[in-house]
Amino acid sequence: MLQNRTLSAVVVARFISLTGTNMTVVALPWFVLATTGSTSKMGLVLACQTLPALALGIPAGGIVARLGPRRALVLGDTLRAPLLAAVPILHSAGMLSFPVLLVLVAAIGVFSVPYAAAANALLPDMVGEDEVEVSRATAALQVAIQTTGVIGPVFAGLLIPLIGAQRVLFFDGASYAVSALIVATLVRVGQARPRAANERGVLVGLRRIREDSLLGSIVFVALAAHVALAVLFASLPALSFERFHDARTAGILFAADAIGSVLGGFAALALARRMKPLLLGVAGFVIMTAPLWLLTIATPRPLAIVALFLFGIGGPLGVAPISAILTTRSPSAIRPQVVSAFLAITSAGTPLGAAGAGYAIAHAGFRGTYVGAAVAMTVATSLLALSVRRLRATAPETVPATSPS
């Protein structure tokens, strides 16, 4: 799969960028907790990082379609680099008030949906339109990229005590710049495609989702899953800060999820040609859901590590086939708009979950917080299973051909 040079270049670019991002996953919440001492403010910062996706995601798809996926990726990384670097610079100058931090984090979040839409739209240009091959390419990317989920948090956990959380953020800013350079110089596919008159307009992606019952069902599945994911991952730095008092534990917890995701990516790559995408997706969601109920019992460090590891295994098994279905069921000319609309809707669950995590930890404790995450993920899994059942019930029966007498 990675013999494809363009795909290899994209993997390297994403590897560098996401190594920095996964350091920030630990460093930014830790920075907020260390400077404010408030889990509620931590949740608010994480929520502001995703709110622009909800507000601007749908129109952003049109911008990606006009620019083309390649140019959108380069522009997104180029603009995010200085915004992220501004956080430690302003803090060192004594000019980083909490409102200014919220504005910077929100500005960085503006690029999340168009960047993800561009990355999804680029896949068929690299490997073709076949649903199975797109699913395998997604799984292969996750194997490589989720490795950064091991490296990034561990590096962050080691560096935070040495140089401080704010300086760790510099690494993420630099990673964006390097990623933009690689895509700009080595990737040649992903140009803008001409669109017909009926494929233009701000709401064309939303209309496509509304017209496709399967995509409409997957929207609700992803929305519930985003709530669960946001609650879970927003809680990990707080759990390490308040329960274990150790930044390295936060890194280990994120790394456990990432190691599981690497293994799950290999499993998804192997199973993509053996199982129907929707059935593989349901299996992945079941594997993600079960460990969350373990965390509702207790949160000792070993149990939390095991739960995150198992959760990680299910991630690629559930996400890779669902992502492939979303990508291949969308016409190529409007694919960025469909993906952007999908992400804009489902991203509503992320600020809700992130803000809710901070409030829930403060008022219901970690056990109550994980009950909420487990319930949300169970709802997502149930909705996906019902979608598969409904699709099977409405599929026309195949009548066997009769041989002439």
Protein backbone atom coordinates (compact mmCIF):
# COMPACT_ATOMS: atom_id res chain seq x y z
CA MET A 1 0.00 0.00 0.00
CA LEU A 2 2.78 2.45 0.91
CA GLN A 3 4.59 1.68 -2.34
CA ASN A 4 2.40 4.50 -3.65
CA ARG A 5 4.84 7.45 -3.43
CA THR A 6 2.13 10.07 -3.08
CA LEU A 7 0.50 8.16 -0.24
CA SER A 8 3.93 7.77 1.38
CA ALA A 9 4.53 11.53 1.21
CA VAL A 10 1.16 12.22 2.79
CA VAL A 11 1.86 9.66 5.53
CA VAL A 12 5.21 11.32 6.33
CA ALA A 13 3.62 14.77 6.40
CA ARG A 14 0.80 13.61 8.66
CA PHE A 15 3.27 11.70 10.85
CA ILE A 16 5.32 14.85 11.52
CA SER A 17 2.29 17.07 11.99
CA LEU A 18 0.44 14.67 14.26
CA THR A 19 3.47 13.98 16.41
CA GLY A 20 3.35 17.65 17.35
CA THR A 21 -0.43 17.59 17.67
CA ASN A 22 -0.35 14.60 20.01
CA MET A 23 2.17 16.40 22.18
CA THR A 24 -0.27 19.30 22.36
CA VAL A 25 -3.09 16.93 23.34
CA VAL A 26 -1.26 16.57 26.65
CA ALA A 27 0.54 19.93 26.82
CA LEU A 28 -2.39 22.29 26.21
CA PRO A 29 -4.75 20.90 28.89
CA TRP A 30 -1.78 20.60 31.27
CA PHE A 31 -0.83 24.22 30.55
CA VAL A 32 -4.40 25.37 31.34
CA LEU A 33 -4.57 23.28 34.52
CA ALA A 34 -1.15 24.50 35.70
CA THR A 35 -1.94 28.18 35.04
CA THR A 36 -5.60 28.26 36.16
CA GLY A 37 -6.11 25.17 38.36
CA SER A 38 -9.60 24.77 36.87
CA THR A 39 -10.94 21.68 35.09
CA SER A 40 -13.91 23.76 33.94
CA LYS A 41 -11.56 26.21 32.17
CA MET A 42 -9.68 23.27 30.69
CA GLY A 43 -12.94 21.96 29.25
CA LEU A 44 -13.80 25.41 27.91
CA VAL A 45 -10.46 25.67 26.09
CA LEU A 46 -10.95 22.25 24.51
CA ALA A 47 -14.50 23.20 23.53
CA CYS A 48 -13.35 26.44 21.88
CA GLN A 49 -10.92 24.40 19.82
CA THR A 50 -13.86 22.62 18.17
CA LEU A 51 -16.65 25.23 18.13
CA PRO A 52 -15.48 26.79 14.82
CA ALA A 53 -15.93 23.40 13.17
CA LEU A 54 -19.61 23.52 14.06
CA ALA A 55 -20.08 27.12 12.93
CA LEU A 56 -17.92 27.17 9.79
CA GLY A 57 -17.62 23.55 8.71
CA ILE A 58 -20.37 23.54 6.07
CA PRO A 59 -19.23 26.65 4.13
CA ALA A 60 -15.60 25.53 4.52
CA GLY A 61 -16.33 22.56 2.26
CA GLY A 62 -16.97 24.90 -0.65
CA ILE A 63 -13.60 26.57 -0.07
CA VAL A 64 -11.83 23.19 -0.12
CA ALA A 65 -13.68 22.24 -3.32
CA ARG A 66 -12.55 25.46 -5.01
CA LEU A 67 -8.95 25.18 -3.79
CA GLY A 68 -8.61 21.44 -4.25
CA PRO A 69 -7.57 19.06 -1.42
CA ARG A 70 -3.82 19.52 -1.95
CA ARG A 71 -3.82 23.32 -1.74
CA ALA A 72 -6.24 23.21 1.20
CA LEU A 73 -3.86 20.95 3.15
CA VAL A 74 -0.87 23.22 2.48
CA LEU A 75 -2.79 26.38 3.39
CA GLY A 76 -4.23 24.87 6.56
CA ASP A 77 -0.85 23.80 7.94
CA THR A 78 0.84 27.06 6.90
CA LEU A 79 -1.68 29.22 8.77
CA ARG A 80 -1.93 27.06 11.90
CA ALA A 81 1.82 27.12 12.58
CA PRO A 82 2.08 30.78 13.70
CA LEU A 83 -1.24 30.67 15.56
CA LEU A 84 -0.08 27.81 17.77
CA ALA A 85 3.38 29.31 18.30
CA ALA A 86 1.69 32.51 19.51
CA VAL A 87 0.47 30.74 22.68
CA PRO A 88 3.92 30.23 24.29
CA ILE A 89 5.25 33.50 22.84
CA LEU A 90 2.47 35.58 24.39
CA HIS A 91 2.68 33.64 27.66
CA SER A 92 6.41 34.37 27.92
CA ALA A 93 5.68 38.06 27.30
CA GLY A 94 3.01 38.09 30.02
CA MET A 95 0.32 38.93 27.45
CA LEU A 96 -1.66 35.67 27.38
CA SER A 97 -4.88 36.30 29.26
CA PHE A 98 -7.50 33.55 29.36
CA PRO A 99 -9.75 35.31 26.79
CA VAL A 100 -6.78 35.69 24.41
CA LEU A 101 -6.02 31.97 24.82
CA LEU A 102 -9.62 31.14 23.92
CA VAL A 103 -9.41 33.30 20.78
CA LEU A 104 -6.16 31.67 19.64
CA VAL A 105 -7.46 28.17 20.28
CA ALA A 106 -10.68 28.98 18.39
CA ALA A 107 -8.67 30.40 15.47
CA ILE A 108 -6.64 27.18 15.27
CA GLY A 109 -9.88 25.21 15.36
CA VAL A 110 -11.17 27.04 12.27
CA PHE A 111 -8.94 24.81 10.13
CA SER A 112 -9.93 21.46 11.61
CA VAL A 113 -12.92 20.63 9.39
CA PRO A 114 -11.54 21.88 6.04
CA TYR A 115 -8.24 20.10 6.76
CA ALA A 116 -9.99 16.82 7.56
CA ALA A 117 -12.26 17.19 4.53
CA ALA A 118 -9.26 17.80 2.28
CA ALA A 119 -7.40 14.78 3.70
CA ASN A 120 -10.44 12.51 3.13
CA ALA A 121 -11.05 13.83 -0.38
CA LEU A 122 -7.41 13.21 -1.29
CA LEU A 123 -7.56 9.45 -0.60
CA PRO A 124 -9.46 8.34 -3.74
CA ASP A 125 -7.12 10.47 -5.86
CA MET A 126 -4.26 8.36 -4.50
CA VAL A 127 -5.76 4.83 -4.45
CA GLY A 128 -8.90 4.93 -6.62
CA GLU A 129 -12.64 4.96 -5.92
CA ASP A 130 -13.14 1.37 -4.73
CA GLU A 131 -14.68 1.31 -1.24
CA VAL A 132 -12.52 -1.57 -0.03
CA GLU A 133 -9.28 0.02 -1.24
CA VAL A 134 -10.18 3.37 0.33
CA SER A 135 -10.93 1.51 3.57
CA ARG A 136 -7.54 -0.24 3.39
CA ALA A 137 -5.76 3.04 2.62
CA THR A 138 -7.47 4.64 5.61
CA ALA A 139 -6.39 1.74 7.81
CA ALA A 140 -2.82 1.92 6.48
CA LEU A 141 -2.68 5.62 7.21
CA GLN A 142 -3.96 5.02 10.72
CA VAL A 143 -1.29 2.40 11.36
CA ALA A 144 1.38 4.94 10.50
CA ILE A 145 -0.30 7.99 11.97
CA GLN A 146 -1.44 6.39 15.24
CA THR A 147 2.20 5.67 15.93
CA THR A 148 2.42 9.40 16.60
CA GLY A 149 -0.12 8.84 19.33
CA VAL A 150 2.54 6.80 21.10
CA ILE A 151 5.46 9.11 20.41
CA GLY A 152 3.72 12.47 20.94
CA PRO A 153 2.16 11.97 24.38
CA VAL A 154 5.24 10.17 25.72
CA PHE A 155 7.51 12.99 24.53
CA ALA A 156 5.11 15.52 26.03
CA GLY A 157 5.06 13.67 29.36
CA LEU A 158 8.86 13.66 29.41
CA LEU A 159 9.34 17.26 28.24
CA ILE A 160 6.69 19.03 30.32
CA PRO A 161 8.60 18.58 33.62
CA LEU A 162 11.83 19.68 31.90
CA ILE A 163 10.85 22.71 29.79
CA GLY A 164 7.23 23.46 30.70
CA ALA A 165 3.99 22.81 28.82
CA GLN A 166 4.02 26.16 27.02
CA ARG A 167 7.37 25.45 25.32
CA VAL A 168 6.19 22.02 24.19
CA LEU A 169 3.58 23.84 22.07
CA PHE A 170 6.41 25.18 19.89
CA PHE A 171 6.98 21.65 18.59
CA ASP A 172 3.44 21.46 17.26
CA GLY A 173 3.76 24.81 15.49
CA ALA A 174 6.98 23.68 13.81
CA SER A 175 5.42 20.36 12.79
CA TYR A 176 2.66 22.17 10.88
CA ALA A 177 5.25 24.14 8.92
CA VAL A 178 7.22 21.01 7.96
CA SER A 179 4.03 19.17 6.96
CA ALA A 180 3.00 22.02 4.66
CA LEU A 181 6.42 21.96 2.98
CA ILE A 182 6.27 18.20 2.30
CA VAL A 183 2.78 18.29 0.78
CA ALA A 184 3.63 21.38 -1.30
CA THR A 185 6.75 19.81 -2.80
CA LEU A 186 5.93 16.08 -3.09
CA VAL A 187 2.16 15.73 -3.64
CA ARG A 188 0.83 16.37 -7.14
CA VAL A 189 -2.70 14.93 -7.03
CA GLY A 190 -5.74 16.50 -5.38
CA GLN A 191 -6.43 19.38 -7.74
CA ALA A 192 -9.79 21.15 -7.79
CA ARG A 193 -12.41 19.49 -10.02
CA PRO A 194 -14.97 21.30 -12.18
CA ARG A 195 -18.47 21.23 -10.71
CA ALA A 196 -21.82 21.28 -12.45
CA ALA A 197 -24.38 23.96 -11.60
CA ASN A 198 -26.30 21.59 -9.30
CA GLU A 199 -23.07 20.75 -7.45
CA ARG A 200 -22.50 24.29 -6.26
CA GLY A 201 -23.82 26.18 -3.28
CA VAL A 202 -23.16 26.24 0.43
CA LEU A 203 -25.63 23.47 1.28
CA VAL A 204 -24.85 20.98 -1.51
CA GLY A 205 -23.01 18.64 0.88
CA LEU A 206 -25.84 18.80 3.39
CA ARG A 207 -28.37 17.99 0.66
CA ARG A 208 -26.35 14.95 -0.38
CA ILE A 209 -26.34 13.61 3.19
CA ARG A 210 -30.08 14.22 3.51
CA GLU A 211 -30.76 12.36 0.26
CA ASP A 212 -28.68 9.32 1.25
CA SER A 213 -30.36 7.46 4.12
CA LEU A 214 -27.19 5.56 5.02
CA LEU A 215 -25.09 8.72 5.26
CA GLY A 216 -27.86 10.35 7.29
CA SER A 217 -27.80 7.44 9.76
CA ILE A 218 -24.02 7.54 10.03
CA VAL A 219 -24.23 11.24 10.95
CA PHE A 220 -26.14 10.41 14.13
CA VAL A 221 -23.77 7.53 14.91
CA ALA A 222 -20.74 9.81 14.61
CA LEU A 223 -22.40 12.60 16.62
CA ALA A 224 -22.95 10.33 19.62
CA ALA A 225 -19.45 8.87 19.25
CA HIS A 226 -17.90 12.36 19.18
CA VAL A 227 -19.52 13.13 22.54
CA ALA A 228 -18.07 9.96 24.06
CA LEU A 229 -14.61 10.53 22.55
CA ALA A 230 -14.46 14.14 23.73
CA VAL A 231 -15.45 13.21 27.28
CA LEU A 232 -12.91 10.39 27.40
CA PHE A 233 -9.91 12.26 26.02
CA ALA A 234 -10.63 15.52 27.84
CA SER A 235 -10.70 13.56 31.10
CA LEU A 236 -7.28 11.92 30.73
CA PRO A 237 -5.07 14.97 31.49
CA ALA A 238 -7.37 15.86 34.39
CA LEU A 239 -7.25 12.28 35.70
CA SER A 240 -3.45 12.35 35.59
CA PHE A 241 -3.29 15.84 37.12
CA GLU A 242 -5.74 15.29 39.98
CA ARG A 243 -5.53 11.55 40.71
CA PHE A 244 -1.92 10.65 39.83
CA HIS A 245 -0.17 14.09 39.91
CA ASP A 246 2.10 13.02 37.05
CA ALA A 247 2.28 14.33 33.47
CA ARG A 248 3.92 11.08 32.38
CA THR A 249 0.75 9.16 33.25
CA ALA A 250 -1.22 11.32 30.80
CA GLY A 251 1.32 10.44 28.14
CA ILE A 252 1.09 6.74 28.98
CA LEU A 253 -2.72 6.76 28.80
CA PHE A 254 -2.75 8.43 25.39
CA ALA A 255 0.04 6.11 24.26
CA ALA A 256 -1.95 3.04 25.36
CA ASP A 257 -4.82 4.15 23.13
CA ALA A 258 -2.42 4.81 20.26
CA ILE A 259 -0.69 1.40 20.57
CA GLY A 260 -4.11 -0.25 20.50
CA SER A 261 -4.99 1.86 17.45
CA VAL A 262 -1.87 0.70 15.60
CA LEU A 263 -2.83 -2.93 16.22
CA GLY A 264 -6.43 -2.16 15.29
CA GLY A 265 -5.20 -0.54 12.08
CA PHE A 266 -3.34 -3.71 11.11
CA ALA A 267 -6.47 -5.72 11.88
CA ALA A 268 -8.63 -3.36 9.78
CA LEU A 269 -6.15 -3.62 6.91
CA ALA A 270 -6.36 -7.42 7.03
CA LEU A 271 -10.14 -7.62 7.47
CA ALA A 272 -11.19 -4.96 4.95
CA ARG A 273 -11.30 -7.50 2.10
CA ARG A 274 -12.93 -10.21 4.22
CA MET A 275 -15.81 -8.38 5.91
CA LYS A 276 -18.41 -5.97 4.61
CA PRO A 277 -17.51 -2.42 5.69
CA LEU A 278 -20.63 -1.85 7.78
CA LEU A 279 -20.25 -5.13 9.67
CA LEU A 280 -16.60 -4.36 10.34
CA GLY A 281 -17.66 -0.92 11.55
CA VAL A 282 -20.15 -2.39 14.02
CA ALA A 283 -17.52 -4.79 15.37
CA GLY A 284 -15.13 -1.88 15.88
CA PHE A 285 -17.72 0.18 17.74
CA VAL A 286 -18.52 -2.75 20.05
CA ILE A 287 -14.82 -3.13 20.88
CA MET A 288 -14.58 0.62 21.62
CA THR A 289 -17.66 0.64 23.82
CA ALA A 290 -16.97 -2.28 26.16
CA PRO A 291 -13.79 -0.88 27.83
CA LEU A 292 -15.53 2.40 28.71
CA TRP A 293 -17.84 0.49 31.04
CA LEU A 294 -14.72 -0.81 32.83
CA LEU A 295 -13.81 2.78 33.73
CA THR A 296 -17.18 3.25 35.43
CA ILE A 297 -16.12 0.67 38.03
CA ALA A 298 -12.84 2.30 39.09
CA THR A 299 -9.86 4.18 37.65
CA PRO A 300 -6.66 2.69 39.04
CA ARG A 301 -3.74 3.30 36.72
CA PRO A 302 -3.41 -0.31 35.40
CA LEU A 303 -7.14 -0.59 34.61
CA ALA A 304 -7.17 2.80 32.88
CA ILE A 305 -4.20 1.77 30.72
CA VAL A 306 -5.85 -1.54 29.73
CA ALA A 307 -9.17 0.18 28.97
CA LEU A 308 -7.51 2.77 26.73
CA PHE A 309 -5.54 0.05 24.94
CA LEU A 310 -8.69 -1.97 24.18
CA PHE A 311 -10.56 1.17 23.16
CA GLY A 312 -7.74 1.97 20.74
CA ILE A 313 -7.99 -1.43 19.05
CA GLY A 314 -11.62 -0.79 18.19
CA GLY A 315 -10.99 2.67 16.76
CA PRO A 316 -9.60 1.83 13.29
CA LEU A 317 -11.92 -1.17 12.97
CA GLY A 318 -14.89 1.15 13.37
CA VAL A 319 -13.62 4.35 11.77
CA ALA A 320 -11.80 3.07 8.64
CA PRO A 321 -14.79 1.37 6.95
CA ILE A 322 -17.24 4.10 7.98
CA SER A 323 -14.89 6.76 6.62
CA ALA A 324 -14.53 4.82 3.37
CA ILE A 325 -18.31 4.62 2.98
CA LEU A 326 -18.63 8.36 3.55
CA THR A 327 -15.90 9.12 1.01
CA THR A 328 -16.89 6.73 -1.80
CA ARG A 329 -20.65 7.43 -1.64
CA SER A 330 -19.94 11.12 -2.36
CA PRO A 331 -19.47 12.35 -5.97
CA SER A 332 -15.83 13.38 -6.43
CA ALA A 333 -16.61 16.99 -7.39
CA ILE A 334 -18.53 17.65 -4.16
CA ARG A 335 -16.72 15.20 -1.89
CA PRO A 336 -15.05 17.95 0.22
CA GLN A 337 -18.46 19.58 0.78
CA VAL A 338 -20.09 16.30 1.81
CA VAL A 339 -17.27 15.46 4.21
CA SER A 340 -17.25 19.02 5.58
CA ALA A 341 -21.00 18.94 6.19
CA PHE A 342 -20.67 15.56 7.86
CA LEU A 343 -17.83 16.76 10.10
CA ALA A 344 -19.55 20.05 10.91
CA ILE A 345 -22.65 18.25 12.15
CA THR A 346 -20.85 15.52 14.05
CA SER A 347 -18.29 17.94 15.51
CA ALA A 348 -21.09 19.42 17.57
CA GLY A 349 -20.53 16.48 19.90
CA THR A 350 -16.92 17.45 20.58
CA PRO A 351 -17.40 20.83 22.33
CA LEU A 352 -20.41 19.38 24.14
CA GLY A 353 -18.36 16.46 25.39
CA ALA A 354 -15.23 18.50 26.15
CA ALA A 355 -17.07 21.20 28.10
CA GLY A 356 -19.26 18.59 29.75
CA ALA A 357 -16.21 16.59 30.85
CA GLY A 358 -14.77 19.51 32.81
CA TYR A 359 -18.12 20.19 34.48
CA ALA A 360 -18.81 16.51 35.14
CA ILE A 361 -15.40 15.91 36.72
CA ALA A 362 -15.92 18.87 39.05
CA HIS A 363 -19.46 17.88 40.08
CA ALA A 364 -19.84 14.11 39.51
CA GLY A 365 -16.28 12.87 39.77
CA PHE A 366 -14.46 10.65 37.32
CA ARG A 367 -16.81 7.69 37.75
CA GLY A 368 -19.87 9.74 36.78
CA THR A 369 -17.95 11.23 33.87
CA TYR A 370 -17.11 7.81 32.46
CA VAL A 371 -20.71 6.64 32.86
CA GLY A 372 -21.68 9.49 30.53
CA ALA A 373 -18.98 8.53 28.01
CA ALA A 374 -19.99 4.85 28.08
CA VAL A 375 -23.67 5.67 27.59
CA ALA A 376 -22.92 7.95 24.61
CA MET A 377 -20.74 5.30 22.96
CA THR A 378 -23.38 2.63 23.58
CA VAL A 379 -25.96 4.82 21.85
CA ALA A 380 -23.61 5.26 18.87
CA THR A 381 -23.02 1.51 18.58
CA SER A 382 -26.73 0.73 18.82
CA LEU A 383 -27.58 3.28 16.12
CA LEU A 384 -24.96 1.80 13.78
CA ALA A 385 -26.24 -1.75 14.35
CA LEU A 386 -29.81 -0.59 13.64
CA SER A 387 -28.64 1.08 10.42
CA VAL A 388 -27.07 -2.17 9.23
CA ARG A 389 -30.23 -4.10 10.08
CA ARG A 390 -32.43 -1.56 8.28
CA LEU A 391 -30.17 -1.58 5.22
CA ARG A 392 -30.33 -5.38 5.04
CA ALA A 393 -34.12 -5.35 5.40
CA THR A 394 -34.58 -2.88 2.53
CA ALA A 395 -31.97 -4.46 0.20
CA PRO A 396 -33.55 -6.25 -2.76
CA GLU A 397 -33.27 -10.02 -2.66
CA THR A 398 -31.04 -11.63 -5.25
CA VAL A 399 -32.98 -14.08 -7.42
CA PRO A 400 -30.81 -16.94 -8.55
CA ALA A 401 -30.55 -17.35 -12.29
CA THR A 402 -32.22 -20.44 -13.77
CA SER A 403 -30.49 -22.47 -16.40
CA PRO A 404 -32.37 -22.88 -19.65
CA SER A 405 -34.11 -26.21 -20.04
